[in-house]
Structures are given as structure tokens and as C-alpha cells.
Protein backbone atom coordinates (compact mmCIF):
# COMPACT_ATOMS: atom_id res chain seq x y z
CA MET A 1 0.00 0.00 0.00
CA HIS A 2 1.40 3.39 -1.03
CA ARG A 3 0.85 6.44 1.13
CA ILE A 4 0.26 9.82 -0.51
CA ASN A 5 3.02 12.25 0.47
CA SER A 6 2.19 15.14 2.78
CA SER A 7 2.50 17.74 0.02
CA ALA A 8 -0.09 15.92 -2.12
CA GLU A 9 -2.32 15.45 0.93
CA ASN A 10 -2.20 19.18 1.64
CA LYS A 11 -3.07 19.95 -1.96
CA ILE A 12 -6.08 17.63 -1.89
CA VAL A 13 -7.28 19.11 1.41
CA GLN A 14 -6.87 22.59 -0.04
CA GLN A 15 -8.90 21.69 -3.14
CA ILE A 16 -11.68 20.19 -1.02
CA THR A 17 -11.75 23.30 1.18
CA ILE A 18 -11.95 25.56 -1.87
CA SER A 19 -14.78 23.48 -3.33
CA LEU A 20 -16.74 23.63 -0.07
CA LYS A 21 -16.20 27.37 0.15
CA ASP A 22 -17.54 27.78 -3.38
CA SER A 23 -20.61 25.69 -2.53
CA VAL A 24 -21.32 27.75 0.58
CA LEU A 25 -20.97 31.04 -1.32
CA ARG A 26 -23.30 29.85 -4.10
CA LEU A 27 -25.87 28.72 -1.54
CA ILE A 28 -25.85 32.06 0.30
CA TRP A 29 -26.28 33.91 -3.02
CA ARG A 30 -29.18 31.65 -4.01
CA GLU A 31 -30.97 31.94 -0.65
CA HIS A 32 -30.26 35.67 -0.13
CA GLN A 33 -30.32 35.14 3.66
CA ILE A 34 -29.50 31.94 5.52
CA SER A 35 -28.15 30.77 8.86
CA ARG A 36 -25.05 28.67 9.48
CA ALA A 37 -27.24 25.86 10.75
CA GLU A 38 -29.28 25.86 7.54
CA ILE A 39 -26.10 25.85 5.43
CA SER A 40 -24.92 22.86 7.44
CA ARG A 41 -28.22 21.08 6.85
CA GLN A 42 -28.52 21.80 3.11
CA LEU A 43 -24.91 20.95 2.26
CA ASN A 44 -24.59 18.11 4.77
CA LEU A 45 -21.56 19.72 6.43
CA SER A 46 -20.58 19.76 10.08
CA ARG A 47 -21.29 22.93 12.07
CA SER A 48 -17.57 23.40 12.74
CA THR A 49 -16.73 23.19 9.00
CA VAL A 50 -19.38 25.79 8.15
CA THR A 51 -18.13 28.05 10.93
CA GLU A 52 -14.57 27.95 9.58
CA ILE A 53 -15.71 28.62 6.00
CA ILE A 54 -17.86 31.59 7.05
CA LYS A 55 -14.94 32.97 9.06
CA GLU A 56 -12.90 33.04 5.83
CA LEU A 57 -15.72 34.45 3.68
CA LEU A 58 -16.78 37.33 5.92
CA PRO A 59 -13.67 39.50 5.26
CA THR A 60 -14.19 39.26 1.48
CA GLY A 61 -17.20 41.57 1.49
CA PHE A 62 -19.40 39.11 -0.40
CA ILE A 63 -21.36 38.16 2.72
CA GLU A 64 -22.30 39.90 5.99
CA GLU A 65 -24.03 39.01 9.23
CA VAL A 66 -27.31 40.94 9.16
CA GLY A 67 -29.40 40.01 12.16
CA ILE A 68 -31.14 37.33 14.16
CA GLY A 69 -33.37 34.67 12.61
CA GLU A 70 -36.26 32.68 14.01
CA SER A 71 -35.59 29.67 16.24
CA SER A 72 -37.63 26.50 16.67
CA GLY A 73 -36.04 26.08 20.08
CA GLY A 74 -32.78 27.08 21.66
CA ARG A 75 -30.46 29.88 20.62
CA LYS A 76 -31.63 32.11 17.74
CA PRO A 77 -29.36 31.91 14.67
CA ILE A 78 -27.36 34.78 13.19
CA LEU A 79 -28.39 35.33 9.57
CA LEU A 80 -25.87 35.66 6.77
CA GLN A 81 -26.73 37.71 3.69
CA PHE A 82 -25.08 37.84 0.29
CA GLN A 83 -23.99 41.38 -0.57
CA ASP A 84 -25.45 42.00 -4.01
CA ASP A 85 -23.60 45.31 -4.37
CA ALA A 86 -20.17 43.90 -3.58
CA LYS A 87 -19.30 44.03 -7.28
CA VAL A 88 -20.84 45.25 -10.54
CA ILE A 89 -21.40 43.55 -13.89
CA PHE A 90 -21.47 45.13 -17.35
CA GLY A 91 -24.05 43.87 -19.83
CA ILE A 92 -23.30 45.19 -23.31
CA ASP A 93 -25.87 45.04 -26.12
CA ILE A 94 -24.32 45.50 -29.56
CA GLY A 95 -27.27 45.97 -31.89
CA ALA A 96 -27.24 46.58 -35.62
CA SER A 97 -27.52 50.33 -35.08
CA HIS A 98 -26.85 50.99 -31.38
CA VAL A 99 -24.68 50.14 -28.39
CA SER A 100 -26.14 49.85 -24.89
CA VAL A 101 -24.39 49.24 -21.58
CA ALA A 102 -26.27 48.09 -18.49
CA MET A 103 -24.39 48.18 -15.21
CA THR A 104 -26.00 45.81 -12.72
CA ASN A 105 -25.25 44.44 -9.28
CA LEU A 106 -24.77 40.73 -8.60
CA ARG A 107 -28.54 40.21 -8.41
CA GLY A 108 -29.17 41.67 -11.87
CA LYS A 109 -30.54 44.96 -10.54
CA LEU A 110 -30.00 47.76 -13.07
CA LEU A 111 -27.78 50.45 -11.55
CA LEU A 112 -26.94 52.54 -14.60
CA TRP A 113 -27.89 52.61 -18.28
CA LYS A 114 -25.96 54.11 -21.20
CA GLU A 115 -26.99 53.96 -24.86
CA GLU A 116 -25.99 55.59 -28.15
CA ASP A 117 -27.01 55.04 -31.75
CA TYR A 118 -24.18 53.91 -34.03
CA THR A 119 -23.51 52.29 -37.41
CA VAL A 120 -22.42 49.05 -35.75
CA THR A 121 -22.66 46.75 -38.77
CA GLU A 122 -20.39 49.02 -40.81
CA ASP A 123 -17.71 50.02 -38.30
CA PRO A 124 -16.30 47.44 -35.85
CA GLU A 125 -13.45 49.66 -34.64
CA GLY A 126 -15.74 52.60 -33.98
CA THR A 127 -18.13 50.22 -32.18
CA TYR A 128 -15.34 49.04 -29.88
CA ASN A 129 -14.35 52.65 -29.11
CA LEU A 130 -17.97 53.49 -28.27
CA ILE A 131 -18.24 50.45 -25.98
CA ASP A 132 -15.05 51.52 -24.21
CA LYS A 133 -16.37 55.07 -23.84
CA LEU A 134 -19.69 53.96 -22.33
CA CYS A 135 -17.95 51.51 -19.96
CA LYS A 136 -15.62 54.27 -18.76
CA GLU A 137 -18.61 56.54 -18.13
CA CYS A 138 -20.18 53.83 -15.98
CA LEU A 139 -16.97 53.17 -14.04
CA SER A 140 -16.50 56.89 -13.39
CA THR A 141 -19.60 56.81 -11.18
CA LEU A 142 -18.07 54.20 -8.85
CA LYS A 143 -15.85 55.12 -5.92
CA TYR A 144 -13.45 52.28 -6.60
CA GLY A 145 -13.75 52.27 -10.38
CA THR A 146 -12.45 49.22 -12.22
CA ASN A 147 -11.81 47.41 -8.93
CA MET A 148 -15.57 47.00 -8.58
CA LEU A 149 -16.02 45.27 -11.95
CA LEU A 150 -16.44 41.49 -11.73
CA SER A 151 -17.06 40.50 -15.36
CA ILE A 152 -18.64 41.54 -18.66
CA GLY A 153 -21.35 39.93 -20.77
CA VAL A 154 -21.79 40.95 -24.41
CA SER A 155 -24.70 40.46 -26.80
CA VAL A 156 -23.93 40.42 -30.53
CA PRO A 157 -26.29 40.36 -33.56
CA SER A 158 -24.81 37.10 -34.82
CA PRO A 159 -24.76 33.39 -33.99
CA VAL A 160 -21.99 32.60 -31.50
CA ASP A 161 -20.21 29.25 -31.45
CA PRO A 162 -19.81 28.29 -27.75
CA ILE A 163 -16.44 26.71 -28.54
CA HIS A 164 -15.16 29.68 -30.57
CA PRO A 165 -17.10 32.72 -29.29
CA GLU A 166 -14.59 35.11 -30.85
CA TYR A 167 -15.92 34.30 -34.34
CA LEU A 168 -18.99 36.04 -35.78
CA SER A 169 -21.03 35.43 -38.93
CA GLU A 170 -19.56 37.13 -41.99
CA THR A 171 -22.91 36.64 -43.73
CA ILE A 172 -24.78 38.72 -41.15
CA ILE A 173 -22.15 41.40 -40.38
CA PRO A 174 -19.58 41.17 -43.21
CA ALA A 175 -17.72 44.36 -42.24
CA TRP A 176 -16.54 42.62 -39.05
CA HIS A 177 -14.71 39.98 -41.14
CA GLY A 178 -15.81 37.14 -38.88
CA LYS A 179 -14.22 38.39 -35.64
CA SER A 180 -15.56 40.44 -32.76
CA GLY A 181 -12.27 41.87 -31.49
CA LEU A 182 -13.90 42.07 -28.06
CA GLU A 183 -11.09 40.14 -26.37
CA ARG A 184 -9.60 43.62 -25.97
CA LEU A 185 -12.18 44.29 -23.26
CA ARG A 186 -10.74 41.39 -21.25
CA GLU A 187 -7.22 42.72 -21.73
CA LYS A 188 -8.18 46.30 -20.85
CA TYR A 189 -10.35 45.67 -17.80
CA GLY A 190 -8.74 42.45 -16.55
CA VAL A 191 -12.04 40.58 -16.13
CA PRO A 192 -13.71 37.65 -17.93
CA VAL A 193 -15.77 38.55 -21.02
CA TYR A 194 -18.61 36.32 -22.29
CA LEU A 195 -20.32 36.60 -25.68
CA ASP A 196 -23.64 35.25 -26.90
CA ASN A 197 -26.33 35.93 -29.46
CA ASP A 198 -28.84 38.72 -28.72
CA ALA A 199 -31.97 36.54 -28.83
CA ASN A 200 -30.34 33.96 -26.55
CA LEU A 201 -29.64 36.66 -24.00
CA GLY A 202 -33.14 38.06 -24.34
CA ALA A 203 -34.43 34.59 -23.44
CA LEU A 204 -32.04 34.32 -20.51
CA ALA A 205 -33.09 37.71 -19.11
CA GLU A 206 -36.81 36.94 -19.40
CA HIS A 207 -36.27 33.54 -17.74
CA TRP A 208 -34.36 34.99 -14.78
CA TRP A 209 -36.09 38.31 -14.26
CA GLY A 210 -38.99 38.93 -16.66
CA ALA A 211 -42.11 37.46 -18.25
CA GLY A 212 -40.64 33.94 -18.21
CA LYS A 213 -39.49 33.85 -14.60
CA HIS A 214 -39.83 30.31 -13.23
CA VAL A 215 -40.90 29.01 -16.68
CA ASN A 216 -38.58 26.18 -17.71
CA ASP A 217 -39.62 25.82 -21.36
CA LEU A 218 -39.97 29.04 -23.30
CA ILE A 219 -39.03 30.72 -26.57
CA TYR A 220 -38.08 34.38 -26.81
CA ILE A 221 -38.51 35.92 -30.28
CA LYS A 222 -36.80 39.18 -31.23
CA ILE A 223 -37.73 41.08 -34.37
CA SER A 224 -35.24 43.69 -35.57
CA ASN A 225 -33.03 43.71 -38.67
CA GLY A 226 -33.68 39.98 -38.66
CA VAL A 227 -35.77 37.55 -36.63
CA GLY A 228 -34.04 35.59 -33.90
CA ALA A 229 -35.19 33.19 -31.22
CA GLY A 230 -33.69 32.15 -27.91
CA TYR A 231 -34.72 28.82 -26.36
CA ILE A 232 -34.92 27.96 -22.68
CA LEU A 233 -35.43 24.18 -22.49
CA GLY A 234 -35.60 22.41 -19.16
CA GLY A 235 -34.53 25.63 -17.46
CA LYS A 236 -31.32 25.89 -19.53
CA LEU A 237 -30.38 28.01 -22.52
CA TYR A 238 -30.24 25.84 -25.65
CA ARG A 239 -27.74 27.03 -28.28
CA GLY A 240 -27.46 24.06 -30.62
CA ALA A 241 -24.28 22.21 -31.59
CA LYS A 242 -22.62 25.27 -33.15
CA GLY A 243 -24.59 28.08 -31.52
CA VAL A 244 -26.90 28.60 -34.52
CA ALA A 245 -30.15 27.43 -32.90
CA GLY A 246 -32.86 30.08 -33.15
CA GLU A 247 -31.96 31.71 -36.47
CA MET A 248 -35.63 32.20 -37.40
CA SER A 249 -34.71 34.77 -40.04
CA HIS A 250 -34.05 31.94 -42.45
CA MET A 251 -37.09 29.77 -41.83
CA PRO A 252 -38.59 29.14 -45.31
CA ILE A 253 -41.96 30.87 -45.55
CA ASP A 254 -42.48 31.33 -49.30
CA PRO A 255 -40.46 29.23 -51.78
CA ASN A 256 -41.39 31.72 -54.52
CA GLY A 257 -40.64 34.75 -52.38
CA ARG A 258 -37.94 37.37 -52.74
CA LEU A 259 -34.25 36.58 -52.51
CA CYS A 260 -32.77 36.81 -49.00
CA GLY A 261 -29.32 38.14 -48.13
CA CYS A 262 -28.30 34.61 -47.15
CA GLY A 263 -28.75 33.47 -50.75
CA LEU A 264 -31.99 31.54 -50.18
CA ARG A 265 -35.47 32.59 -51.30
CA GLY A 266 -38.57 33.37 -49.26
CA CYS A 267 -36.94 33.43 -45.80
CA LEU A 268 -38.94 34.83 -42.88
CA ALA A 269 -36.63 37.87 -42.80
CA THR A 270 -37.82 38.88 -46.28
CA VAL A 271 -41.35 39.48 -44.96
CA LEU A 272 -40.83 40.05 -41.23
CA SER A 273 -37.93 42.31 -40.28
CA ALA A 274 -37.43 46.04 -39.88
CA TRP A 275 -36.20 46.50 -43.44
CA ALA A 276 -38.95 44.27 -44.92
CA LEU A 277 -41.69 46.26 -43.17
CA LYS A 278 -40.20 49.54 -44.41
CA GLU A 279 -40.19 48.12 -47.94
CA ARG A 280 -43.90 47.32 -47.62
CA VAL A 281 -44.60 50.97 -46.82
CA LYS A 282 -43.14 51.95 -50.19
CA VAL A 283 -45.06 49.24 -52.04
CA LEU A 284 -48.45 50.03 -50.44
CA SER A 285 -48.26 53.82 -50.11
CA ASN A 286 -50.22 54.48 -53.32
CA LEU A 287 -53.12 52.43 -51.99
CA TYR A 288 -53.29 54.49 -48.78
CA PRO A 289 -52.65 58.13 -49.85
CA ASP A 290 -54.16 59.50 -46.63
CA SER A 291 -51.81 57.51 -44.39
CA ILE A 292 -49.33 59.44 -42.28
CA LEU A 293 -46.73 56.98 -43.60
CA ALA A 294 -47.47 57.59 -47.29
CA ASN A 295 -44.60 58.97 -49.38
CA SER A 296 -42.19 58.81 -46.46
CA ASP A 297 -39.20 56.74 -45.37
CA PRO A 298 -40.44 55.70 -41.92
CA SER A 299 -38.51 53.90 -39.22
CA ILE A 300 -39.98 50.80 -37.62
CA ASN A 301 -40.79 53.04 -34.65
CA ASP A 302 -42.82 55.32 -36.97
CA ILE A 303 -44.77 52.32 -38.28
CA GLU A 304 -45.53 51.19 -34.71
CA ASN A 305 -46.66 54.70 -33.69
CA ALA A 306 -48.92 54.90 -36.73
CA ALA A 307 -50.45 51.50 -35.95
CA LEU A 308 -51.18 52.62 -32.39
CA LYS A 309 -53.06 55.58 -33.95
CA ASN A 310 -55.06 53.13 -36.09
CA ASP A 311 -53.48 54.37 -39.33
CA SER A 312 -54.85 52.21 -42.17
CA LEU A 313 -51.52 51.60 -43.94
CA ALA A 314 -49.73 50.77 -40.68
CA ILE A 315 -52.52 48.40 -39.66
CA GLN A 316 -52.28 46.61 -43.03
CA ILE A 317 -48.50 46.20 -42.67
CA VAL A 318 -48.77 45.00 -39.08
CA SER A 319 -51.55 42.59 -40.04
CA GLU A 320 -49.42 41.05 -42.79
CA ALA A 321 -46.40 40.79 -40.49
CA THR A 322 -48.51 39.23 -37.74
CA ASN A 323 -49.80 36.61 -40.16
CA TYR A 324 -46.28 35.56 -41.15
CA LEU A 325 -45.18 35.55 -37.53
CA ALA A 326 -48.17 33.38 -36.59
CA ILE A 327 -47.17 30.81 -39.24
CA ALA A 328 -43.63 30.65 -37.84
CA ILE A 329 -44.78 30.51 -34.22
CA THR A 330 -47.35 27.75 -34.69
CA SER A 331 -44.64 25.69 -36.38
CA LEU A 332 -42.44 26.19 -33.32
CA VAL A 333 -45.30 25.34 -30.97
CA ASN A 334 -45.98 22.03 -32.72
CA LEU A 335 -42.28 21.25 -32.97
CA MET A 336 -41.17 22.15 -29.44
CA ASN A 337 -44.26 22.49 -27.23
CA PRO A 338 -43.02 25.45 -25.14
CA ASP A 339 -45.08 26.62 -22.21
CA LEU A 340 -44.54 30.27 -23.14
CA ILE A 341 -43.48 32.40 -26.10
CA ILE A 342 -42.27 35.94 -25.42
CA LEU A 343 -42.18 38.64 -28.08
CA GLY A 344 -39.42 41.23 -27.97
CA GLY A 345 -37.93 43.83 -30.29
CA SER A 346 -39.92 45.50 -33.06
CA LEU A 347 -43.74 45.14 -32.95
CA SER A 348 -43.73 43.83 -29.37
CA ARG A 349 -44.81 47.19 -27.96
CA LEU A 350 -48.00 46.93 -30.02
CA GLY A 351 -49.15 44.40 -27.42
CA ASP A 352 -52.59 42.92 -28.05
CA LEU A 353 -52.68 44.22 -31.63
CA VAL A 354 -50.07 41.57 -32.44
CA ILE A 355 -50.46 39.08 -29.60
CA ASN A 356 -54.21 38.40 -29.82
CA PRO A 357 -54.28 37.28 -33.49
CA ILE A 358 -51.26 35.02 -32.96
CA GLN A 359 -52.71 33.53 -29.77
CA GLU A 360 -55.91 32.78 -31.67
CA ARG A 361 -53.86 31.06 -34.39
CA ILE A 362 -52.02 29.00 -31.78
CA ASN A 363 -55.29 28.00 -30.13
CA SER A 364 -56.89 26.94 -33.40
CA THR A 365 -54.03 25.29 -35.27
CA ALA A 366 -51.54 24.02 -32.70
CA LEU A 367 -51.60 20.26 -32.22
CA VAL A 368 -51.48 20.44 -28.41
CA LYS A 369 -54.47 22.25 -26.92
CA ASP A 370 -56.39 22.79 -23.69
CA LEU A 371 -54.29 22.44 -20.53
CA SER A 372 -51.00 22.32 -22.44
CA ARG A 373 -51.73 25.36 -24.60
CA THR A 374 -48.77 27.65 -25.23
CA ARG A 375 -49.19 31.17 -23.88
CA LEU A 376 -47.97 34.26 -25.74
CA ARG A 377 -46.76 37.38 -23.91
CA LYS A 378 -44.76 40.51 -24.68
CA SER A 379 -41.38 41.10 -23.08
CA GLU A 380 -41.38 42.70 -19.66
CA LEU A 381 -37.81 43.98 -19.97
CA GLU A 382 -37.79 45.88 -23.29
CA PRO A 383 -35.93 47.94 -24.38
CA LYS A 384 -33.16 47.06 -21.90
CA GLY A 385 -33.73 43.32 -21.82
CA ILE A 386 -30.88 42.25 -24.12
CA ALA A 387 -28.25 44.22 -22.18
CA ILE A 388 -29.65 42.88 -18.90
CA GLY A 389 -29.47 39.40 -20.45
CA ALA A 390 -25.79 39.97 -21.24
CA ALA A 391 -25.20 40.93 -17.60
CA THR A 392 -27.20 37.85 -16.53
CA LEU A 393 -24.89 35.65 -18.62
CA ALA A 394 -21.91 37.06 -16.72
CA ILE A 395 -23.66 36.50 -13.37
CA GLU A 396 -24.56 32.93 -14.34
CA GLN A 397 -20.96 32.23 -15.31
CA ALA A 398 -19.66 33.70 -12.05
CA PHE A 399 -21.72 31.27 -9.98
CA SER A 400 -21.04 28.36 -12.31
CA ASP A 401 -17.31 28.99 -12.04
CA PRO A 402 -16.72 30.48 -8.57
CA LYS A 403 -13.02 31.00 -9.34
CA ILE A 404 -14.24 34.28 -10.80
CA LEU A 405 -15.55 35.35 -7.41
CA ARG A 406 -12.49 33.96 -5.68
CA LYS A 407 -10.18 36.10 -7.79
CA ASN A 408 -12.17 39.23 -6.98
CA LEU A 409 -12.15 39.33 -3.20
CA ILE A 410 -12.80 42.81 -1.91
CA PRO A 411 -10.14 44.51 0.23
CA ALA A 412 -11.34 45.59 3.66
CA VAL A 413 -10.92 49.27 2.74
CA MET A 414 -13.57 48.87 0.04
CA LYS A 415 -16.26 47.17 2.12
């Protein structure tokens, strides 16, 4: 029988201690407030082990003793509370024509919001400079600046391969030449940076904080320059083998339809996207000369405003778009049987004008009916949901890989 040398034994003991400390920290974050006794019970640890771990965690600033809890008999327990404001997270939303930065605490609470319009798809270097500028503006509001930043999540308008997140689709944003260049954020700020697709992060945000909270099977659909979907299946974000799951833009809707930018014909994006809806204004203007949209070059926001005013041309365009969206959604309902579908992006603020006709289509044509019927709701987090989703991704990663928290212990002077 061979005995492990003392150095190896010490290393194993150290690894076990670190793992237990991580488990305790995750539990306190999840429960918000909890006693040592309850930690001991939930993690099946001895009281003395929990006491030693808490003694090491208290000076970090991530947890504090906050008061006395209830007792079922005997001494009342001292409650421990996770300090949500111990660090901040940046959630960055890189849209086709804007950059947004959400600064949140470790519970996803929005602390500061910065946004500027920009020609993102045409200018990657200028986009990076704008991101850096907005991040600096956020950090300038914090007493301890960069020292308070834990990590950064970034949303991009492109599929993201989980294995190679640095690569972006040249088909969707050709000017970026297939690379994000956002690794510079990690080098500049010295924190982990995580990238994902915008619709994925919209789904994640709604699942954690919004209309899909506590719903384990949902689809989030975002309409903008394209149409994207994010899937939460079994409570987890589903990306597909190469991160391309949810590219609804290229669902075939009309085999004889117009040519899409991807090279295929009759894709959903050719009839349901910001640019497609604007094209319909031009085509139909002569039929609705009294419309406030006639003979104009309206934005998608203008079309939505006109529809809310019951403008005849806007209502016709929205009705057509809703019909195409209903076809796509009922296909998803029959294919995946989600409990909930959430609409975000363009058209979502029209609420019942869009949701009611689609819900009726789901009810009448979906295979699964009655108690298992899929519900349709608008996003609760728009227009900041994608950036909040990017921050949520960073929070999720921090508690999946507690080394991130471990490397960012807060000096006593900053508590």
C-alpha cells in the first residue's frame, strides 16, 4: 500500500476546502439570507466546517451578518446575507444600429444605463471605441472604479459558437470579417468577457427576471433587422451544436418569395424584419394616400406609432407581419411544445394588436391544446432586456465557475 506524500495530501485538502467554500458562497447567493445551521443542513456539512468557512468568507465583502433569525427552540441563529452590491457587472448590447451598456449588481438589478445610436454593422473599430467610452462613463460613477467590476457579458447580432465565441457570422455582419475583437475588453479591464447571441440573452433575461421567470420551457422571439429566437429548455439556454439554434430569419416561408441576403429565397426575414416592413410601406403607399406613412421613409418606430393611432396603412403592414409571424410561431409550438413564447424587439410594444391574433392562431391550429396550450406574452424587460441578459450571462458564469468570485475578493478598505 502506497501512502500519498504530505504535500499531495495538503493539496487535496486545499482543493476540497476551496470546493466547499464555493458551494457555501453559491448557496448564500441563491438563498439571499440563511443561517449557518441551515447551510450545514442543506450541504450536509458539520457545524464546525461551516463556521470555519464563514470565518474566511466574511472579510471578502461578499457576505455579511445581518441580524437574528427565528428559532424553533434554543439559541436564535445569526443570519448571513449575500452582498449584491459587492461588485458590478457590465451587460453590453451590440445591436445593428446601437450600443447599450447596463451596469448591474450581482442580483441583476439595473444600476446605470448608457446607450448611443451607431452604425455598428459598418464600423467594428468605432463600435469598440464606443463600448469603451460607455464603460468608462459607468466606471467613473463608482468610488473604486475598475476594482468593482467582476465580469462583462456581451450580446452580438450574430450566432456565436460556444467553442469559438470570438468568431462572428460574416454573412450577417460582413464588415466585421468574422471576428468580434472584443477580447480587448478582457485585456483592458482584466475581467472575464462572455459573448452570446442577442436573442439567446433576451431569453435568458426573461427567464431569470422577466415574463418567463420560473418558466422552464420558453421561446423568446426578437424582431429587428432579422428575426431571432432564444430557447430555454428544461430551465437551460439551448444554443445548438454550433450556436446557430434560433436563427428564425431563415425559416422558409415562401419558396417563390424574394431573394434573401443569405442566398436563399422566401426566408422569414424577407417578410418580417425592420427593413422588410419599411419596404412594404413603399409598395403600399399608393393604396393608402391618406396615411401618415405615405410617401415617407419611416422607421420601424414610426410604423408602430402609426399603428397605435389606427393608421390604415400601418394596420395593413402589421396585419401582414402578424400573419407571417403566426405561421412561424405555430410551427415552433408544434415542434417544441413550449409553455410560453415571449415577443421582444420590433412590434412587441403593439401588445394585443399583435399578440391576440397570434394567440388565436395557436389556439386553433396548434396540435397540443387545452391544458398544455402555449401562452404568448410581450417582453417585460424591453428595451433594456438584451443588455440585462448579457449581464445575466456574466452573473450565471460567475456562480457556475466560482473562481471568478475567488479572484475578486474585496479589500477591507472597500467594504
